């Protein structure tokens, strides 16, 4: 059964690359969510004036991977304790947000948040999903198309290393 999850956890190039490698994930789409402006562009979102965060929308087969596994992977592969920043990417468009699509997802989010242990307080927002706008084509499948670029080597590759290090049975090479 196909289900949707929507996360924002810094640069969408990073989160896209991570979730593309999870068994049961059917599709990962980069885009923008959580803001007030309709049909925002990358340039508009980058000004921090639209309220949107760089986000990914994940279509997954819930019979292969469940929402809780995706959520735990999300928390393991970005820093949920840093407000409006992920590594060198700074601004409200890089904030940490989990968008819930129904009450069951909200219940799972609350359960997982209670179970997490970090040295600093978690600043991840939890918001009801409203709207997702797809990013421009040049942002799609970024890591897979540009693995040799410095950003991919320095920022994205270590996130993938975390994914594999945590030995997820649900990862694919």
C-alpha atoms as a PDB file:
ATOM      1  CA  UNK A   1       0.000   0.000   0.000  1.00  0.00           C
ATOM      2  CA  UNK A   2       1.458   3.355  -1.048  1.00  0.00           C
ATOM      3  CA  UNK A   3       1.699   6.003   1.670  1.00  0.00           C
ATOM      4  CA  UNK A   4       3.186   9.522   1.848  1.00  0.00           C
ATOM      5  CA  UNK A   5       5.642  11.072   4.327  1.00  0.00           C
ATOM      6  CA  UNK A   6       6.933  14.649   4.169  1.00  0.00           C
ATOM      7  CA  UNK A   7      10.113  15.758   5.956  1.00  0.00           C
ATOM      8  CA  UNK A   8      12.348  18.823   5.994  1.00  0.00           C
ATOM      9  CA  UNK A   9      15.817  18.303   7.421  1.00  0.00           C
ATOM     10  CA  UNK A  10      18.225  20.740   5.827  1.00  0.00           C
ATOM     11  CA  UNK A  11      19.187  20.684   2.171  1.00  0.00           C
ATOM     12  CA  UNK A  12      16.787  18.567   0.167  1.00  0.00           C
ATOM     13  CA  UNK A  13      19.660  17.165  -1.891  1.00  0.00           C
ATOM     14  CA  UNK A  14      20.850  15.406   1.280  1.00  0.00           C
ATOM     15  CA  UNK A  15      17.534  14.058   2.473  1.00  0.00           C
ATOM     16  CA  UNK A  16      16.594  12.939  -1.043  1.00  0.00           C
ATOM     17  CA  UNK A  17      19.833  10.940  -1.359  1.00  0.00           C
ATOM     18  CA  UNK A  18      19.286   9.236   2.002  1.00  0.00           C
ATOM     19  CA  UNK A  19      15.689   8.177   1.432  1.00  0.00           C
ATOM     20  CA  UNK A  20      16.290   7.020  -2.130  1.00  0.00           C
ATOM     21  CA  UNK A  21      18.361   4.236  -0.561  1.00  0.00           C
ATOM     22  CA  UNK A  22      15.654   2.809   1.702  1.00  0.00           C
ATOM     23  CA  UNK A  23      13.970  -0.399   0.596  1.00  0.00           C
ATOM     24  CA  UNK A  24      10.262   0.190   0.200  1.00  0.00           C
ATOM     25  CA  UNK A  25      10.663   3.828  -0.821  1.00  0.00           C
ATOM     26  CA  UNK A  26       9.013   4.113  -4.208  1.00  0.00           C
ATOM     27  CA  UNK A  27       9.705   7.776  -4.970  1.00  0.00           C
ATOM     28  CA  UNK A  28      11.379  10.788  -3.354  1.00  0.00           C
ATOM     29  CA  UNK A  29      10.445  14.258  -4.612  1.00  0.00           C
ATOM     30  CA  UNK A  30      12.315  17.444  -3.667  1.00  0.00           C
ATOM     31  CA  UNK A  31      10.324  20.582  -3.015  1.00  0.00           C
ATOM     32  CA  UNK A  32       9.074  23.164  -0.585  1.00  0.00           C
ATOM     33  CA  UNK A  33       6.555  22.923   2.234  1.00  0.00           C
ATOM     34  CA  UNK A  34       5.495  24.782   5.351  1.00  0.00           C
ATOM     35  CA  UNK A  35       5.251  28.282   3.909  1.00  0.00           C
ATOM     36  CA  UNK A  36       2.664  30.849   2.924  1.00  0.00           C
ATOM     37  CA  UNK A  37       3.578  31.664  -0.698  1.00  0.00           C
ATOM     38  CA  UNK A  38       1.968  29.663  -3.510  1.00  0.00           C
ATOM     39  CA  UNK A  39       4.297  28.025  -6.057  1.00  0.00           C
ATOM     40  CA  UNK A  40       7.552  29.314  -4.565  1.00  0.00           C
ATOM     41  CA  UNK A  41      10.798  29.153  -6.503  1.00  0.00           C
ATOM     42  CA  UNK A  42      14.185  28.117  -5.142  1.00  0.00           C
ATOM     43  CA  UNK A  43      15.320  31.735  -5.313  1.00  0.00           C
ATOM     44  CA  UNK A  44      12.283  32.926  -3.317  1.00  0.00           C
ATOM     45  CA  UNK A  45      12.639  30.198  -0.682  1.00  0.00           C
ATOM     46  CA  UNK A  46      16.357  31.035  -0.362  1.00  0.00           C
ATOM     47  CA  UNK A  47      15.486  34.576   0.775  1.00  0.00           C
ATOM     48  CA  UNK A  48      13.783  33.109   3.886  1.00  0.00           C
ATOM     49  CA  UNK A  49      10.739  35.268   3.121  1.00  0.00           C
ATOM     50  CA  UNK A  50       8.238  32.594   1.990  1.00  0.00           C
ATOM     51  CA  UNK A  51       8.169  30.512   5.178  1.00  0.00           C
ATOM     52  CA  UNK A  52       8.942  27.320   3.248  1.00  0.00           C
ATOM     53  CA  UNK A  53      11.535  24.729   4.149  1.00  0.00           C
ATOM     54  CA  UNK A  54      13.396  22.638   1.614  1.00  0.00           C
ATOM     55  CA  UNK A  55      11.456  19.388   1.922  1.00  0.00           C
ATOM     56  CA  UNK A  56      11.097  15.945   0.492  1.00  0.00           C
ATOM     57  CA  UNK A  57       7.939  14.016  -0.122  1.00  0.00           C
ATOM     58  CA  UNK A  58       8.384  10.266   0.133  1.00  0.00           C
ATOM     59  CA  UNK A  59       6.039   7.774  -1.448  1.00  0.00           C
ATOM     60  CA  UNK A  60       6.593   4.411   0.229  1.00  0.00           C
ATOM     61  CA  UNK A  61       5.192   0.909   0.345  1.00  0.00           C
ATOM     62  CA  UNK A  62       4.014   0.539   3.930  1.00  0.00           C
ATOM     63  CA  UNK A  63       4.097  -3.238   3.587  1.00  0.00           C
ATOM     64  CA  UNK A  64       7.889  -3.052   3.051  1.00  0.00           C
ATOM     65  CA  UNK A  65       8.892  -0.106   5.272  1.00  0.00           C
ATOM     66  CA  UNK A  66       6.790   1.618   7.901  1.00  0.00           C
ATOM     67  CA  UNK A  67       6.497   5.308   8.753  1.00  0.00           C
ATOM     68  CA  UNK A  68       8.308   4.827  12.072  1.00  0.00           C
ATOM     69  CA  UNK A  69      11.383   3.393  10.324  1.00  0.00           C
ATOM     70  CA  UNK A  70      11.440   6.346   7.933  1.00  0.00           C
ATOM     71  CA  UNK A  71      11.046   8.750  10.831  1.00  0.00           C
ATOM     72  CA  UNK A  72      13.879   7.173  12.827  1.00  0.00           C
ATOM     73  CA  UNK A  73      16.087   7.291   9.718  1.00  0.00           C
ATOM     74  CA  UNK A  74      15.240  10.983   9.355  1.00  0.00           C
ATOM     75  CA  UNK A  75      16.372  11.712  12.918  1.00  0.00           C
ATOM     76  CA  UNK A  76      19.539   9.613  12.550  1.00  0.00           C
ATOM     77  CA  UNK A  77      20.710  11.343   9.377  1.00  0.00           C
ATOM     78  CA  UNK A  78      20.358  15.039  10.226  1.00  0.00           C
ATOM     79  CA  UNK A  79      20.813  17.225  13.320  1.00  0.00           C
ATOM     80  CA  UNK A  80      17.394  17.880  14.881  1.00  0.00           C
ATOM     81  CA  UNK A  81      18.974  20.024  17.637  1.00  0.00           C
ATOM     82  CA  UNK A  82      20.167  22.935  15.493  1.00  0.00           C
ATOM     83  CA  UNK A  83      17.629  25.661  14.736  1.00  0.00           C
ATOM     84  CA  UNK A  84      17.503  26.793  11.099  1.00  0.00           C
ATOM     85  CA  UNK A  85      20.777  25.148  10.176  1.00  0.00           C
ATOM     86  CA  UNK A  86      22.288  21.913   8.919  1.00  0.00           C
ATOM     87  CA  UNK A  87      26.071  22.052   8.822  1.00  0.00           C
ATOM     88  CA  UNK A  88      27.030  24.935   6.498  1.00  0.00           C
ATOM     89  CA  UNK A  89      23.489  25.541   5.270  1.00  0.00           C
ATOM     90  CA  UNK A  90      21.949  28.320   7.357  1.00  0.00           C
ATOM     91  CA  UNK A  91      18.465  29.857   7.122  1.00  0.00           C
ATOM     92  CA  UNK A  92      14.870  29.033   7.920  1.00  0.00           C
ATOM     93  CA  UNK A  93      14.610  27.050   4.675  1.00  0.00           C
ATOM     94  CA  UNK A  94      16.961  24.486   6.282  1.00  0.00           C
ATOM     95  CA  UNK A  95      14.966  23.976   9.473  1.00  0.00           C
ATOM     96  CA  UNK A  96      13.903  20.570  10.755  1.00  0.00           C
ATOM     97  CA  UNK A  97      10.187  19.778  10.327  1.00  0.00           C
ATOM     98  CA  UNK A  98       8.098  16.624  10.241  1.00  0.00           C
ATOM     99  CA  UNK A  99       4.775  17.127   8.477  1.00  0.00           C
ATOM    100  CA  UNK A 100       2.085  14.667   9.485  1.00  0.00           C
ATOM    101  CA  UNK A 101      -0.572  13.571   7.012  1.00  0.00           C
ATOM    102  CA  UNK A 102      -2.979  11.993   9.508  1.00  0.00           C
ATOM    103  CA  UNK A 103      -3.506  11.326  13.201  1.00  0.00           C
ATOM    104  CA  UNK A 104      -1.708   7.970  13.033  1.00  0.00           C
ATOM    105  CA  UNK A 105       1.463   9.655  11.765  1.00  0.00           C
ATOM    106  CA  UNK A 106       1.154  12.290  14.507  1.00  0.00           C
ATOM    107  CA  UNK A 107       0.870   9.557  17.139  1.00  0.00           C
ATOM    108  CA  UNK A 108       4.015   7.836  15.792  1.00  0.00           C
ATOM    109  CA  UNK A 109       5.904  11.162  15.685  1.00  0.00           C
ATOM    110  CA  UNK A 110       5.063  11.840  19.346  1.00  0.00           C
ATOM    111  CA  UNK A 111       6.143   8.310  20.345  1.00  0.00           C
ATOM    112  CA  UNK A 112       9.453   8.545  18.468  1.00  0.00           C
ATOM    113  CA  UNK A 113      10.226  12.027  19.808  1.00  0.00           C
ATOM    114  CA  UNK A 114       9.745  10.777  23.383  1.00  0.00           C
ATOM    115  CA  UNK A 115      12.169   7.921  22.742  1.00  0.00           C
ATOM    116  CA  UNK A 116      15.009   9.958  21.222  1.00  0.00           C
ATOM    117  CA  UNK A 117      18.125  10.845  23.196  1.00  0.00           C
ATOM    118  CA  UNK A 118      20.263  13.769  22.066  1.00  0.00           C
ATOM    119  CA  UNK A 119      22.744  15.866  24.045  1.00  0.00           C
ATOM    120  CA  UNK A 120      20.828  19.050  23.194  1.00  0.00           C
ATOM    121  CA  UNK A 121      17.067  19.671  22.980  1.00  0.00           C
ATOM    122  CA  UNK A 122      15.340  18.658  19.750  1.00  0.00           C
ATOM    123  CA  UNK A 123      14.051  21.710  17.849  1.00  0.00           C
ATOM    124  CA  UNK A 124      12.245  19.813  15.078  1.00  0.00           C
ATOM    125  CA  UNK A 125       8.851  21.310  14.338  1.00  0.00           C
ATOM    126  CA  UNK A 126       5.834  19.050  13.991  1.00  0.00           C
ATOM    127  CA  UNK A 127       3.239  20.504  11.652  1.00  0.00           C
ATOM    128  CA  UNK A 128       0.139  19.280   9.930  1.00  0.00           C
ATOM    129  CA  UNK A 129       0.804  18.822   6.231  1.00  0.00           C
ATOM    130  CA  UNK A 130      -0.843  21.440   4.052  1.00  0.00           C
ATOM    131  CA  UNK A 131       0.835  21.733   0.653  1.00  0.00           C
ATOM    132  CA  UNK A 132       3.947  20.541  -1.155  1.00  0.00           C
ATOM    133  CA  UNK A 133       5.432  22.305  -4.166  1.00  0.00           C
ATOM    134  CA  UNK A 134       7.891  20.400  -6.341  1.00  0.00           C
ATOM    135  CA  UNK A 135      11.353  21.873  -6.756  1.00  0.00           C
ATOM    136  CA  UNK A 136      12.794  22.818 -10.101  1.00  0.00           C
ATOM    137  CA  UNK A 137      14.074  19.945 -12.247  1.00  0.00           C
ATOM    138  CA  UNK A 138      17.758  20.746 -11.674  1.00  0.00           C
ATOM    139  CA  UNK A 139      17.306  19.887  -7.961  1.00  0.00           C
ATOM    140  CA  UNK A 140      15.857  16.439  -8.618  1.00  0.00           C
ATOM    141  CA  UNK A 141      18.057  13.362  -8.153  1.00  0.00           C
ATOM    142  CA  UNK A 142      20.920  15.743  -7.383  1.00  0.00           C
ATOM    143  CA  UNK A 143      23.354  13.451  -5.584  1.00  0.00           C
ATOM    144  CA  UNK A 144      22.973  10.619  -8.070  1.00  0.00           C
ATOM    145  CA  UNK A 145      23.649  13.024 -10.945  1.00  0.00           C
ATOM    146  CA  UNK A 146      26.549  14.917  -9.294  1.00  0.00           C
ATOM    147  CA  UNK A 147      28.369  12.521  -6.936  1.00  0.00           C
ATOM    148  CA  UNK A 148      31.766  14.043  -7.721  1.00  0.00           C
ATOM    149  CA  UNK A 149      30.836  17.636  -6.823  1.00  0.00           C
ATOM    150  CA  UNK A 150      32.419  18.932  -3.589  1.00  0.00           C
ATOM    151  CA  UNK A 151      29.064  19.450  -1.797  1.00  0.00           C
ATOM    152  CA  UNK A 152      28.100  15.865  -2.508  1.00  0.00           C
ATOM    153  CA  UNK A 153      31.467  14.554  -1.324  1.00  0.00           C
ATOM    154  CA  UNK A 154      31.728  16.707   1.818  1.00  0.00           C
ATOM    155  CA  UNK A 155      28.094  16.954   2.988  1.00  0.00           C
ATOM    156  CA  UNK A 156      25.957  14.227   1.438  1.00  0.00           C
ATOM    157  CA  UNK A 157      28.347  11.266   1.396  1.00  0.00           C
ATOM    158  CA  UNK A 158      28.840  11.344   5.230  1.00  0.00           C
ATOM    159  CA  UNK A 159      25.037  11.306   5.695  1.00  0.00           C
ATOM    160  CA  UNK A 160      24.883   8.189   3.556  1.00  0.00           C
ATOM    161  CA  UNK A 161      27.702   6.771   5.676  1.00  0.00           C
ATOM    162  CA  UNK A 162      25.533   7.300   8.795  1.00  0.00           C
ATOM    163  CA  UNK A 163      22.701   5.485   7.086  1.00  0.00           C
ATOM    164  CA  UNK A 164      24.857   2.459   6.274  1.00  0.00           C
ATOM    165  CA  UNK A 165      26.742   2.561   9.600  1.00  0.00           C
ATOM    166  CA  UNK A 166      23.476   2.246  11.498  1.00  0.00           C
ATOM    167  CA  UNK A 167      23.105  -0.986   9.534  1.00  0.00           C
ATOM    168  CA  UNK A 168      19.534  -0.479   8.461  1.00  0.00           C
ATOM    169  CA  UNK A 169      18.132  -3.719   7.190  1.00  0.00           C
ATOM    170  CA  UNK A 170      15.992  -1.539   5.000  1.00  0.00           C
ATOM    171  CA  UNK A 171      18.823   0.078   3.039  1.00  0.00           C
ATOM    172  CA  UNK A 172      19.785  -0.682  -0.477  1.00  0.00           C
ATOM    173  CA  UNK A 173      23.258  -0.065  -1.906  1.00  0.00           C
END
